Amino acid sequence: MSAARGKFISLEGGEGAGKSTLLAGLHEHITAQHVALVQTREPGGTPLGEAVRAIVLDPARRDMVAEAELLLMFASRAQLVREVIEPALAAGQWVLCDRFTDASYAYQGGGRGQPLERIAELERWAADGLQPDLTLLLDLPVSTGRARAAGRGEADRIEVEADAFFERVRSAYRTRAAAEPARFRVIDASQPAVAVLQSAIAALTPLLAEHAL
């Protein structure tokens, strides 16, 4: 008998939303339930993807046009889906990913103004139409997130954008969450980290219960 397909969970949110802290807490919780888990990130997650990440986030690359940024993101994603995510899911493992295609709709669509139909076509082709089973969106005011992120060292190429860019990103995320309530769980990321983790675990509970059957 072949293994049941694993579950795919993505974390999304703007700058300073606390994704790294939540990822660590979720990793600990999921593996404690005896679930085989693969954790990865975007852009990156493969040797090719990490090379792309270095280019996309390099603050010296201020000449990068929006179309090139979008294509680079999907180049990294195409490799990640085929090299890491799909093989893991097919083997019955769960995948926990720091950002996925929703980030392109938010950052390259909302932030950069790339047409949503263009992103959707790349999603069908480059990402093989793959969508998470559950997407946790960490939502908080842009000013709060940027204040948190300010102490993390040198800003990367995207972090140097103006507040208006991140307001568009947040709006795009919230629009997607409202359009797909069955997949998204929006979590108030202005709460303490412990409360954010509790909310995320509550959202995961149905999937974990299904896995235990």
N, C-alpha and C. Protein backbone atom coordinates (compact mmCIF):
# COMPACT_ATOMS: atom_id res chain seq x y z
N MET A 1 0.85 -1.20 0.00
CA MET A 1 0.00 0.00 0.00
C MET A 1 0.89 1.25 0.00
N SER A 2 0.57 2.20 -0.89
CA SER A 2 1.35 3.43 -0.94
C SER A 2 0.99 4.34 0.23
N ALA A 3 1.94 5.19 0.62
CA ALA A 3 1.71 6.09 1.75
C ALA A 3 0.67 7.14 1.37
N ALA A 4 -0.14 7.53 2.36
CA ALA A 4 -1.09 8.61 2.14
C ALA A 4 -0.30 9.89 1.85
N ARG A 5 -0.82 10.72 0.96
CA ARG A 5 -0.13 11.94 0.60
C ARG A 5 0.01 12.84 1.83
N GLY A 6 1.16 13.48 1.97
CA GLY A 6 1.40 14.37 3.08
C GLY A 6 0.63 15.68 2.94
N LYS A 7 0.72 16.50 3.95
CA LYS A 7 0.06 17.80 3.97
C LYS A 7 1.09 18.91 3.74
N PHE A 8 0.65 19.94 3.04
CA PHE A 8 1.52 21.06 2.68
C PHE A 8 1.01 22.31 3.39
N ILE A 9 1.84 22.88 4.26
CA ILE A 9 1.47 24.05 5.05
C ILE A 9 2.44 25.19 4.72
N SER A 10 1.90 26.35 4.42
CA SER A 10 2.74 27.51 4.15
C SER A 10 2.49 28.60 5.18
N LEU A 11 3.53 29.38 5.45
CA LEU A 11 3.43 30.56 6.31
C LEU A 11 3.67 31.79 5.47
N GLU A 12 2.80 32.77 5.62
CA GLU A 12 2.92 34.02 4.87
C GLU A 12 2.81 35.20 5.82
N GLY A 13 3.26 36.34 5.35
CA GLY A 13 3.16 37.56 6.15
C GLY A 13 4.17 38.59 5.69
N GLY A 14 3.97 39.81 6.12
CA GLY A 14 4.87 40.89 5.76
C GLY A 14 6.13 40.90 6.61
N GLU A 15 6.91 41.95 6.46
CA GLU A 15 8.16 42.06 7.20
C GLU A 15 7.88 42.19 8.69
N GLY A 16 8.67 41.48 9.50
CA GLY A 16 8.55 41.58 10.94
C GLY A 16 7.33 40.90 11.53
N ALA A 17 6.69 40.01 10.75
CA ALA A 17 5.48 39.36 11.23
C ALA A 17 5.75 38.24 12.23
N GLY A 18 6.99 37.76 12.29
CA GLY A 18 7.33 36.71 13.25
C GLY A 18 7.28 35.31 12.67
N LYS A 19 7.49 35.19 11.35
CA LYS A 19 7.42 33.87 10.73
C LYS A 19 8.50 32.93 11.26
N SER A 20 9.70 33.43 11.45
CA SER A 20 10.80 32.56 11.90
C SER A 20 10.51 31.95 13.26
N THR A 21 10.00 32.77 14.17
CA THR A 21 9.66 32.28 15.50
C THR A 21 8.54 31.24 15.43
N LEU A 22 7.53 31.52 14.61
CA LEU A 22 6.41 30.59 14.48
C LEU A 22 6.85 29.29 13.81
N LEU A 23 7.70 29.37 12.81
CA LEU A 23 8.19 28.17 12.15
C LEU A 23 8.85 27.23 13.14
N ALA A 24 9.67 27.77 14.02
CA ALA A 24 10.35 26.94 15.02
C ALA A 24 9.34 26.26 15.94
N GLY A 25 8.33 27.00 16.38
CA GLY A 25 7.32 26.44 17.26
C GLY A 25 6.47 25.38 16.57
N LEU A 26 6.12 25.62 15.32
CA LEU A 26 5.32 24.64 14.58
C LEU A 26 6.12 23.38 14.28
N HIS A 27 7.37 23.55 13.95
CA HIS A 27 8.23 22.39 13.68
C HIS A 27 8.26 21.48 14.91
N GLU A 28 8.45 22.09 16.07
CA GLU A 28 8.50 21.31 17.30
C GLU A 28 7.16 20.61 17.56
N HIS A 29 6.06 21.34 17.37
CA HIS A 29 4.74 20.77 17.66
C HIS A 29 4.40 19.63 16.69
N ILE A 30 4.63 19.84 15.41
CA ILE A 30 4.26 18.82 14.43
C ILE A 30 5.08 17.55 14.60
N THR A 31 6.39 17.70 14.77
CA THR A 31 7.23 16.51 14.92
C THR A 31 6.92 15.77 16.22
N ALA A 32 6.43 16.50 17.23
CA ALA A 32 6.04 15.85 18.49
C ALA A 32 4.83 14.94 18.30
N GLN A 33 4.08 15.17 17.21
CA GLN A 33 2.93 14.32 16.90
C GLN A 33 3.34 13.13 16.04
N HIS A 34 4.64 12.89 15.94
CA HIS A 34 5.19 11.77 15.16
C HIS A 34 4.86 11.88 13.67
N VAL A 35 4.91 13.10 13.18
CA VAL A 35 4.70 13.37 11.77
C VAL A 35 6.06 13.65 11.13
N ALA A 36 6.37 12.96 10.05
CA ALA A 36 7.61 13.22 9.31
C ALA A 36 7.47 14.56 8.61
N LEU A 37 8.38 15.47 8.87
CA LEU A 37 8.23 16.85 8.42
C LEU A 37 9.47 17.33 7.68
N VAL A 38 9.23 17.99 6.55
CA VAL A 38 10.29 18.67 5.80
C VAL A 38 10.02 20.17 5.91
N GLN A 39 11.01 20.94 6.34
CA GLN A 39 10.87 22.40 6.43
C GLN A 39 11.73 23.05 5.37
N THR A 40 11.15 24.03 4.68
CA THR A 40 11.89 24.68 3.60
C THR A 40 11.48 26.15 3.51
N ARG A 41 12.01 26.87 2.53
CA ARG A 41 11.71 28.30 2.44
C ARG A 41 11.76 28.77 0.99
N GLU A 42 11.16 29.94 0.79
CA GLU A 42 11.17 30.60 -0.51
C GLU A 42 11.59 32.06 -0.38
N PRO A 43 12.30 32.58 -1.39
CA PRO A 43 13.00 31.78 -2.39
C PRO A 43 14.12 30.99 -1.73
N GLY A 44 14.44 29.85 -2.29
CA GLY A 44 15.49 29.01 -1.73
C GLY A 44 15.04 27.58 -1.61
N GLY A 45 15.59 26.88 -0.61
CA GLY A 45 15.18 25.51 -0.34
C GLY A 45 15.90 24.45 -1.13
N THR A 46 16.61 24.84 -2.18
CA THR A 46 17.44 23.95 -2.98
C THR A 46 18.73 24.72 -3.29
N PRO A 47 19.80 24.04 -3.71
CA PRO A 47 21.02 24.79 -4.08
C PRO A 47 20.75 25.85 -5.14
N LEU A 48 19.96 25.50 -6.16
CA LEU A 48 19.63 26.48 -7.19
C LEU A 48 18.81 27.62 -6.61
N GLY A 49 17.82 27.26 -5.79
CA GLY A 49 16.95 28.28 -5.20
C GLY A 49 17.69 29.23 -4.28
N GLU A 50 18.66 28.72 -3.54
CA GLU A 50 19.43 29.59 -2.66
C GLU A 50 20.29 30.57 -3.46
N ALA A 51 20.77 30.12 -4.61
CA ALA A 51 21.53 31.03 -5.49
C ALA A 51 20.62 32.13 -6.02
N VAL A 52 19.39 31.76 -6.37
CA VAL A 52 18.41 32.75 -6.83
C VAL A 52 18.08 33.71 -5.70
N ARG A 53 17.92 33.19 -4.49
CA ARG A 53 17.60 34.03 -3.33
C ARG A 53 18.66 35.13 -3.15
N ALA A 54 19.91 34.74 -3.28
CA ALA A 54 20.99 35.71 -3.11
C ALA A 54 20.88 36.84 -4.12
N ILE A 55 20.46 36.52 -5.33
CA ILE A 55 20.30 37.55 -6.36
C ILE A 55 19.10 38.44 -6.06
N VAL A 56 17.96 37.82 -5.76
CA VAL A 56 16.72 38.57 -5.56
C VAL A 56 16.83 39.53 -4.38
N LEU A 57 17.51 39.11 -3.31
CA LEU A 57 17.57 39.93 -2.10
C LEU A 57 18.80 40.83 -2.02
N ASP A 58 19.69 40.75 -2.99
CA ASP A 58 20.92 41.55 -2.97
C ASP A 58 20.58 43.04 -3.07
N PRO A 59 20.87 43.84 -2.04
CA PRO A 59 20.52 45.27 -2.10
C PRO A 59 21.24 46.03 -3.20
N ALA A 60 22.32 45.45 -3.74
CA ALA A 60 23.03 46.11 -4.83
C ALA A 60 22.29 45.97 -6.16
N ARG A 61 21.29 45.09 -6.22
CA ARG A 61 20.57 44.82 -7.47
C ARG A 61 19.35 45.74 -7.61
N ARG A 62 19.59 47.02 -7.46
CA ARG A 62 18.47 47.97 -7.54
C ARG A 62 17.96 48.13 -8.97
N ASP A 63 18.72 47.60 -9.95
CA ASP A 63 18.32 47.73 -11.34
C ASP A 63 17.38 46.61 -11.79
N MET A 64 17.07 45.67 -10.91
CA MET A 64 16.22 44.54 -11.30
C MET A 64 14.80 45.02 -11.57
N VAL A 65 14.28 44.68 -12.74
CA VAL A 65 12.92 45.09 -13.09
C VAL A 65 11.92 44.09 -12.49
N ALA A 66 10.68 44.52 -12.37
CA ALA A 66 9.66 43.71 -11.71
C ALA A 66 9.45 42.38 -12.43
N GLU A 67 9.52 42.38 -13.76
CA GLU A 67 9.31 41.15 -14.51
C GLU A 67 10.42 40.14 -14.22
N ALA A 68 11.65 40.61 -14.11
CA ALA A 68 12.77 39.71 -13.80
C ALA A 68 12.62 39.15 -12.40
N GLU A 69 12.20 39.98 -11.45
CA GLU A 69 12.00 39.51 -10.08
C GLU A 69 10.95 38.41 -10.04
N LEU A 70 9.84 38.62 -10.74
CA LEU A 70 8.77 37.63 -10.77
C LEU A 70 9.26 36.31 -11.35
N LEU A 71 9.98 36.37 -12.46
CA LEU A 71 10.46 35.14 -13.09
C LEU A 71 11.50 34.43 -12.23
N LEU A 72 12.35 35.18 -11.56
CA LEU A 72 13.32 34.56 -10.67
C LEU A 72 12.63 33.85 -9.52
N MET A 73 11.60 34.45 -8.97
CA MET A 73 10.87 33.81 -7.88
C MET A 73 10.26 32.49 -8.33
N PHE A 74 9.71 32.48 -9.54
CA PHE A 74 9.12 31.24 -10.02
C PHE A 74 10.16 30.23 -10.50
N ALA A 75 11.33 30.69 -10.90
CA ALA A 75 12.41 29.75 -11.22
C ALA A 75 12.81 28.98 -9.96
N SER A 76 12.98 29.70 -8.86
CA SER A 76 13.30 29.06 -7.58
C SER A 76 12.17 28.12 -7.17
N ARG A 77 10.92 28.56 -7.36
CA ARG A 77 9.75 27.77 -6.95
C ARG A 77 9.62 26.50 -7.79
N ALA A 78 9.87 26.60 -9.08
CA ALA A 78 9.78 25.43 -9.96
C ALA A 78 10.74 24.34 -9.49
N GLN A 79 11.95 24.74 -9.13
CA GLN A 79 12.94 23.78 -8.65
C GLN A 79 12.52 23.19 -7.31
N LEU A 80 12.02 24.04 -6.41
CA LEU A 80 11.63 23.59 -5.07
C LEU A 80 10.48 22.59 -5.15
N VAL A 81 9.47 22.88 -5.98
CA VAL A 81 8.32 21.99 -6.09
C VAL A 81 8.75 20.61 -6.55
N ARG A 82 9.60 20.57 -7.57
CA ARG A 82 9.96 19.28 -8.17
C ARG A 82 11.06 18.54 -7.41
N GLU A 83 11.94 19.28 -6.78
CA GLU A 83 13.06 18.64 -6.09
C GLU A 83 12.75 18.28 -4.64
N VAL A 84 11.91 19.10 -3.98
CA VAL A 84 11.69 18.92 -2.54
C VAL A 84 10.22 18.65 -2.20
N ILE A 85 9.33 19.56 -2.58
CA ILE A 85 7.97 19.51 -2.04
C ILE A 85 7.19 18.30 -2.55
N GLU A 86 7.10 18.14 -3.86
CA GLU A 86 6.30 17.04 -4.40
C GLU A 86 6.83 15.66 -3.98
N PRO A 87 8.15 15.43 -4.05
CA PRO A 87 8.64 14.12 -3.59
C PRO A 87 8.31 13.85 -2.12
N ALA A 88 8.40 14.87 -1.28
CA ALA A 88 8.08 14.69 0.14
C ALA A 88 6.61 14.37 0.33
N LEU A 89 5.73 15.12 -0.31
CA LEU A 89 4.29 14.89 -0.17
C LEU A 89 3.91 13.50 -0.69
N ALA A 90 4.51 13.11 -1.81
CA ALA A 90 4.21 11.80 -2.38
C ALA A 90 4.65 10.67 -1.46
N ALA A 91 5.69 10.92 -0.66
CA ALA A 91 6.20 9.92 0.28
C ALA A 91 5.44 9.93 1.61
N GLY A 92 4.42 10.78 1.72
CA GLY A 92 3.64 10.84 2.94
C GLY A 92 4.16 11.80 3.99
N GLN A 93 5.21 12.56 3.65
CA GLN A 93 5.75 13.54 4.58
C GLN A 93 4.96 14.84 4.50
N TRP A 94 4.97 15.58 5.60
CA TRP A 94 4.40 16.92 5.59
C TRP A 94 5.50 17.92 5.21
N VAL A 95 5.08 19.02 4.60
CA VAL A 95 6.01 20.08 4.22
C VAL A 95 5.55 21.38 4.86
N LEU A 96 6.48 22.04 5.55
CA LEU A 96 6.24 23.35 6.17
C LEU A 96 7.13 24.35 5.45
N CYS A 97 6.52 25.29 4.76
CA CYS A 97 7.27 26.19 3.88
C CYS A 97 7.10 27.65 4.29
N ASP A 98 8.22 28.34 4.46
CA ASP A 98 8.26 29.77 4.72
C ASP A 98 8.04 30.49 3.40
N ARG A 99 6.80 30.88 3.14
CA ARG A 99 6.30 31.51 1.93
C ARG A 99 6.12 30.50 0.80
N PHE A 100 5.13 30.81 -0.07
CA PHE A 100 4.93 30.06 -1.31
C PHE A 100 4.29 31.01 -2.31
N THR A 101 3.48 30.51 -3.22
CA THR A 101 3.01 31.34 -4.34
C THR A 101 2.19 32.54 -3.89
N ASP A 102 1.50 32.46 -2.76
CA ASP A 102 0.76 33.63 -2.27
C ASP A 102 1.68 34.84 -2.12
N ALA A 103 2.95 34.59 -1.79
CA ALA A 103 3.90 35.69 -1.65
C ALA A 103 4.11 36.41 -2.97
N SER A 104 4.05 35.68 -4.08
CA SER A 104 4.21 36.35 -5.38
C SER A 104 2.99 37.21 -5.71
N TYR A 105 1.79 36.71 -5.37
CA TYR A 105 0.61 37.54 -5.56
C TYR A 105 0.69 38.80 -4.70
N ALA A 106 1.27 38.69 -3.50
CA ALA A 106 1.35 39.84 -2.60
C ALA A 106 2.48 40.78 -2.97
N TYR A 107 3.69 40.24 -3.11
CA TYR A 107 4.87 41.10 -3.34
C TYR A 107 5.03 41.52 -4.80
N GLN A 108 5.01 40.54 -5.71
CA GLN A 108 5.19 40.91 -7.12
C GLN A 108 3.89 41.42 -7.74
N GLY A 109 2.73 40.93 -7.25
CA GLY A 109 1.45 41.43 -7.72
C GLY A 109 1.06 42.72 -7.04
N GLY A 110 0.74 42.64 -5.75
CA GLY A 110 0.35 43.83 -5.01
C GLY A 110 1.45 44.87 -4.94
N GLY A 111 2.64 44.44 -4.55
CA GLY A 111 3.74 45.38 -4.35
C GLY A 111 4.27 45.97 -5.63
N ARG A 112 4.56 45.12 -6.62
CA ARG A 112 5.21 45.56 -7.87
C ARG A 112 4.24 45.86 -8.99
N GLY A 113 2.97 45.46 -8.82
CA GLY A 113 1.99 45.76 -9.86
C GLY A 113 1.98 44.79 -11.03
N GLN A 114 2.57 43.61 -10.87
CA GLN A 114 2.53 42.62 -11.94
C GLN A 114 1.10 42.08 -12.08
N PRO A 115 0.65 41.85 -13.32
CA PRO A 115 -0.73 41.39 -13.53
C PRO A 115 -0.99 40.05 -12.86
N LEU A 116 -2.14 39.95 -12.19
CA LEU A 116 -2.46 38.72 -11.47
C LEU A 116 -2.62 37.53 -12.41
N GLU A 117 -3.12 37.78 -13.63
CA GLU A 117 -3.27 36.68 -14.57
C GLU A 117 -1.92 36.13 -15.01
N ARG A 118 -0.90 36.98 -15.04
CA ARG A 118 0.45 36.53 -15.36
C ARG A 118 0.98 35.62 -14.25
N ILE A 119 0.74 36.02 -13.01
CA ILE A 119 1.17 35.19 -11.87
C ILE A 119 0.42 33.87 -11.86
N ALA A 120 -0.87 33.92 -12.16
CA ALA A 120 -1.67 32.70 -12.19
C ALA A 120 -1.18 31.73 -13.25
N GLU A 121 -0.78 32.23 -14.40
CA GLU A 121 -0.26 31.36 -15.45
C GLU A 121 1.06 30.72 -15.02
N LEU A 122 1.93 31.50 -14.38
CA LEU A 122 3.17 30.94 -13.86
C LEU A 122 2.90 29.91 -12.76
N GLU A 123 1.88 30.16 -11.96
CA GLU A 123 1.50 29.20 -10.92
C GLU A 123 1.11 27.87 -11.54
N ARG A 124 0.33 27.92 -12.63
CA ARG A 124 -0.10 26.69 -13.29
C ARG A 124 1.07 25.94 -13.92
N TRP A 125 2.00 26.70 -14.49
CA TRP A 125 3.09 26.09 -15.24
C TRP A 125 4.31 25.80 -14.36
N ALA A 126 4.91 26.85 -13.82
CA ALA A 126 6.16 26.68 -13.08
C ALA A 126 5.96 25.97 -11.75
N ALA A 127 4.86 26.27 -11.06
CA ALA A 127 4.60 25.64 -9.76
C ALA A 127 3.72 24.40 -9.90
N ASP A 128 3.43 24.01 -11.14
CA ASP A 128 2.66 22.79 -11.42
C ASP A 128 1.28 22.84 -10.76
N GLY A 129 0.76 24.05 -10.54
CA GLY A 129 -0.56 24.21 -9.96
C GLY A 129 -0.67 23.85 -8.49
N LEU A 130 0.46 23.60 -7.85
CA LEU A 130 0.44 23.17 -6.45
C LEU A 130 0.01 24.30 -5.52
N GLN A 131 -0.89 23.99 -4.59
CA GLN A 131 -1.30 24.93 -3.55
C GLN A 131 -1.20 24.25 -2.19
N PRO A 132 -0.93 25.01 -1.14
CA PRO A 132 -0.89 24.43 0.20
C PRO A 132 -2.26 23.92 0.63
N ASP A 133 -2.25 22.95 1.54
CA ASP A 133 -3.49 22.50 2.17
C ASP A 133 -3.96 23.52 3.20
N LEU A 134 -3.01 24.23 3.79
CA LEU A 134 -3.31 25.25 4.80
C LEU A 134 -2.29 26.35 4.69
N THR A 135 -2.76 27.59 4.68
CA THR A 135 -1.86 28.75 4.67
C THR A 135 -2.15 29.60 5.89
N LEU A 136 -1.13 29.80 6.71
CA LEU A 136 -1.22 30.64 7.89
C LEU A 136 -0.69 32.02 7.54
N LEU A 137 -1.55 33.02 7.58
CA LEU A 137 -1.17 34.39 7.25
C LEU A 137 -1.01 35.19 8.53
N LEU A 138 0.21 35.60 8.80
CA LEU A 138 0.50 36.44 9.95
C LEU A 138 0.29 37.90 9.55
N ASP A 139 -0.73 38.50 10.12
CA ASP A 139 -1.14 39.84 9.71
C ASP A 139 -0.92 40.83 10.85
N LEU A 140 -0.29 41.95 10.53
CA LEU A 140 -0.13 43.03 11.50
C LEU A 140 0.09 44.33 10.75
N PRO A 141 -0.11 45.49 11.43
CA PRO A 141 0.10 46.76 10.76
C PRO A 141 1.53 46.89 10.23
N VAL A 142 1.66 47.52 9.08
CA VAL A 142 2.98 47.67 8.45
C VAL A 142 3.95 48.38 9.39
N SER A 143 3.48 49.41 10.08
CA SER A 143 4.38 50.17 10.97
C SER A 143 4.92 49.29 12.08
N THR A 144 4.09 48.41 12.61
CA THR A 144 4.53 47.50 13.68
C THR A 144 5.57 46.52 13.15
N GLY A 145 5.30 45.93 12.01
CA GLY A 145 6.23 44.97 11.43
C GLY A 145 7.56 45.59 11.07
N ARG A 146 7.53 46.79 10.51
CA ARG A 146 8.79 47.43 10.12
C ARG A 146 9.61 47.83 11.34
N ALA A 147 8.94 48.21 12.40
CA ALA A 147 9.66 48.55 13.63
C ALA A 147 10.36 47.31 14.18
N ARG A 148 9.67 46.18 14.13
CA ARG A 148 10.28 44.93 14.59
C ARG A 148 11.49 44.55 13.73
N ALA A 149 11.34 44.70 12.41
CA ALA A 149 12.38 44.27 11.49
C ALA A 149 13.59 45.19 11.48
N ALA A 150 13.42 46.40 12.00
CA ALA A 150 14.49 47.39 11.92
C ALA A 150 15.77 46.98 12.63
N GLY A 151 15.64 46.13 13.65
CA GLY A 151 16.82 45.74 14.42
C GLY A 151 17.51 44.49 13.94
N ARG A 152 17.15 44.00 12.74
CA ARG A 152 17.68 42.72 12.28
C ARG A 152 18.95 42.83 11.45
N GLY A 153 19.53 44.00 11.35
CA GLY A 153 20.74 44.14 10.54
C GLY A 153 20.44 44.85 9.23
N GLU A 154 21.38 44.73 8.28
CA GLU A 154 21.24 45.43 7.01
C GLU A 154 20.00 44.96 6.25
N ALA A 155 19.23 45.92 5.75
CA ALA A 155 18.01 45.59 5.01
C ALA A 155 18.36 44.99 3.66
N ASP A 156 17.57 44.00 3.22
CA ASP A 156 17.80 43.43 1.89
C ASP A 156 17.08 44.27 0.84
N ARG A 157 17.14 43.82 -0.41
CA ARG A 157 16.64 44.61 -1.52
C ARG A 157 15.14 44.89 -1.42
N ILE A 158 14.38 43.98 -0.83
CA ILE A 158 12.94 44.20 -0.69
C ILE A 158 12.62 44.98 0.57
N GLU A 159 13.35 44.73 1.63
CA GLU A 159 13.09 45.41 2.90
C GLU A 159 13.30 46.92 2.83
N VAL A 160 14.08 47.40 1.84
CA VAL A 160 14.34 48.85 1.72
C VAL A 160 13.18 49.60 1.06
N GLU A 161 12.16 48.88 0.62
CA GLU A 161 11.04 49.55 -0.03
C GLU A 161 10.29 50.43 0.97
N ALA A 162 9.54 51.38 0.43
CA ALA A 162 8.78 52.34 1.25
C ALA A 162 7.55 51.69 1.86
N ASP A 163 6.99 52.35 2.88
CA ASP A 163 5.81 51.82 3.55
C ASP A 163 4.66 51.56 2.58
N ALA A 164 4.51 52.41 1.57
CA ALA A 164 3.40 52.25 0.62
C ALA A 164 3.47 50.89 -0.09
N PHE A 165 4.68 50.44 -0.38
CA PHE A 165 4.87 49.13 -1.00
C PHE A 165 4.33 48.04 -0.08
N PHE A 166 4.68 48.11 1.19
CA PHE A 166 4.26 47.07 2.14
C PHE A 166 2.78 47.16 2.47
N GLU A 167 2.20 48.34 2.37
CA GLU A 167 0.75 48.46 2.54
C GLU A 167 0.03 47.72 1.39
N ARG A 168 0.58 47.83 0.18
CA ARG A 168 -0.01 47.12 -0.96
C ARG A 168 0.16 45.61 -0.79
N VAL A 169 1.31 45.20 -0.28
CA VAL A 169 1.55 43.77 -0.01
C VAL A 169 0.53 43.25 0.99
N ARG A 170 0.36 43.98 2.09
CA ARG A 170 -0.60 43.55 3.11
C ARG A 170 -2.01 43.46 2.55
N SER A 171 -2.41 44.46 1.77
CA SER A 171 -3.74 44.47 1.19
C SER A 171 -3.94 43.26 0.27
N ALA A 172 -2.92 42.93 -0.53
CA ALA A 172 -3.02 41.80 -1.44
C ALA A 172 -3.15 40.49 -0.67
N TYR A 173 -2.40 40.34 0.40
CA TYR A 173 -2.51 39.14 1.24
C TYR A 173 -3.93 39.01 1.81
N ARG A 174 -4.44 40.10 2.34
CA ARG A 174 -5.76 40.06 2.98
C ARG A 174 -6.85 39.78 1.95
N THR A 175 -6.69 40.29 0.74
CA THR A 175 -7.64 40.02 -0.33
C THR A 175 -7.66 38.53 -0.68
N ARG A 176 -6.47 37.92 -0.77
CA ARG A 176 -6.39 36.50 -1.08
C ARG A 176 -6.99 35.66 0.05
N ALA A 177 -6.71 36.05 1.27
CA ALA A 177 -7.26 35.30 2.41
C ALA A 177 -8.78 35.36 2.43
N ALA A 178 -9.34 36.52 2.11
CA ALA A 178 -10.79 36.67 2.09
C ALA A 178 -11.42 35.85 0.96
N ALA A 179 -10.69 35.70 -0.14
CA ALA A 179 -11.21 34.97 -1.30
C ALA A 179 -11.13 33.46 -1.12
N GLU A 180 -10.23 32.99 -0.23
CA GLU A 180 -10.04 31.55 -0.03
C GLU A 180 -10.07 31.20 1.47
N PRO A 181 -11.22 31.39 2.11
CA PRO A 181 -11.29 31.18 3.56
C PRO A 181 -11.09 29.73 3.98
N ALA A 182 -11.32 28.78 3.08
CA ALA A 182 -11.13 27.38 3.44
C ALA A 182 -9.66 27.02 3.57
N ARG A 183 -8.80 27.73 2.86
CA ARG A 183 -7.36 27.44 2.90
C ARG A 183 -6.62 28.33 3.88
N PHE A 184 -6.99 29.58 3.97
CA PHE A 184 -6.27 30.55 4.79
C PHE A 184 -6.78 30.57 6.23
N ARG A 185 -5.87 30.78 7.15
CA ARG A 185 -6.20 31.18 8.52
C ARG A 185 -5.40 32.44 8.80
N VAL A 186 -6.10 33.53 9.08
CA VAL A 186 -5.43 34.81 9.35
C VAL A 186 -5.21 34.91 10.86
N ILE A 187 -3.96 35.15 11.23
CA ILE A 187 -3.58 35.21 12.64
C ILE A 187 -3.08 36.61 12.96
N ASP A 188 -3.58 37.18 14.04
CA ASP A 188 -3.15 38.50 14.49
C ASP A 188 -1.72 38.41 15.01
N ALA A 189 -0.78 38.86 14.20
CA ALA A 189 0.64 38.72 14.54
C ALA A 189 1.13 39.81 15.48
N SER A 190 0.25 40.73 15.88
CA SER A 190 0.65 41.72 16.87
C SER A 190 0.55 41.16 18.29
N GLN A 191 -0.02 39.96 18.42
CA GLN A 191 -0.10 39.29 19.72
C GLN A 191 1.29 38.81 20.15
N PRO A 192 1.46 38.46 21.43
CA PRO A 192 2.71 37.82 21.85
C PRO A 192 2.94 36.52 21.08
N ALA A 193 4.20 36.13 20.94
CA ALA A 193 4.56 34.96 20.15
C ALA A 193 3.86 33.70 20.63
N VAL A 194 3.66 33.57 21.95
CA VAL A 194 2.99 32.38 22.49
C VAL A 194 1.55 32.30 21.99
N ALA A 195 0.86 33.43 21.95
CA ALA A 195 -0.53 33.46 21.49
C ALA A 195 -0.60 33.17 19.99
N VAL A 196 0.37 33.67 19.23
CA VAL A 196 0.41 33.40 17.79
C VAL A 196 0.58 31.90 17.56
N LEU A 197 1.49 31.28 18.29
CA LEU A 197 1.70 29.84 18.15
C LEU A 197 0.44 29.06 18.52
N GLN A 198 -0.23 29.46 19.58
CA GLN A 198 -1.47 28.77 19.98
C GLN A 198 -2.53 28.86 18.88
N SER A 199 -2.64 30.02 18.25
CA SER A 199 -3.60 30.18 17.16
C SER A 199 -3.24 29.30 15.98
N ALA A 200 -1.94 29.22 15.68
CA ALA A 200 -1.49 28.40 14.56
C ALA A 200 -1.73 26.92 14.84
N ILE A 201 -1.46 26.49 16.06
CA ILE A 201 -1.68 25.09 16.43
C ILE A 201 -3.17 24.74 16.33
N ALA A 202 -4.02 25.67 16.74
CA ALA A 202 -5.46 25.44 16.64
C ALA A 202 -5.87 25.25 15.18
N ALA A 203 -5.27 26.02 14.28
CA ALA A 203 -5.58 25.88 12.86
C ALA A 203 -5.09 24.54 12.30
N LEU A 204 -4.00 24.04 12.86
CA LEU A 204 -3.42 22.77 12.41
C LEU A 204 -4.15 21.55 12.94
N THR A 205 -4.85 21.71 14.04
CA THR A 205 -5.43 20.56 14.74
C THR A 205 -6.28 19.65 13.85
N PRO A 206 -7.16 20.19 12.98
CA PRO A 206 -7.94 19.29 12.11
C PRO A 206 -7.07 18.43 11.21
N LEU A 207 -5.99 18.99 10.66
CA LEU A 207 -5.11 18.21 9.80
C LEU A 207 -4.38 17.13 10.59
N LEU A 208 -3.96 17.47 11.80
CA LEU A 208 -3.27 16.49 12.63
C LEU A 208 -4.22 15.37 13.06
N ALA A 209 -5.48 15.73 13.33
CA ALA A 209 -6.46 14.71 13.70
C ALA A 209 -6.73 13.77 12.53
N GLU A 210 -6.77 14.33 11.33
CA GLU A 210 -6.97 13.51 10.13
C GLU A 210 -5.78 12.56 9.93
N HIS A 211 -4.59 13.07 10.20
CA HIS A 211 -3.38 12.26 10.06
C HIS A 211 -3.37 11.09 11.04
N ALA A 212 -3.94 11.32 12.23
CA ALA A 212 -3.91 10.29 13.28
C ALA A 212 -4.87 9.15 13.03
N LEU A 213 -5.82 9.35 12.09
CA LEU A 213 -6.83 8.31 11.83
C LEU A 213 -6.23 7.09 11.16
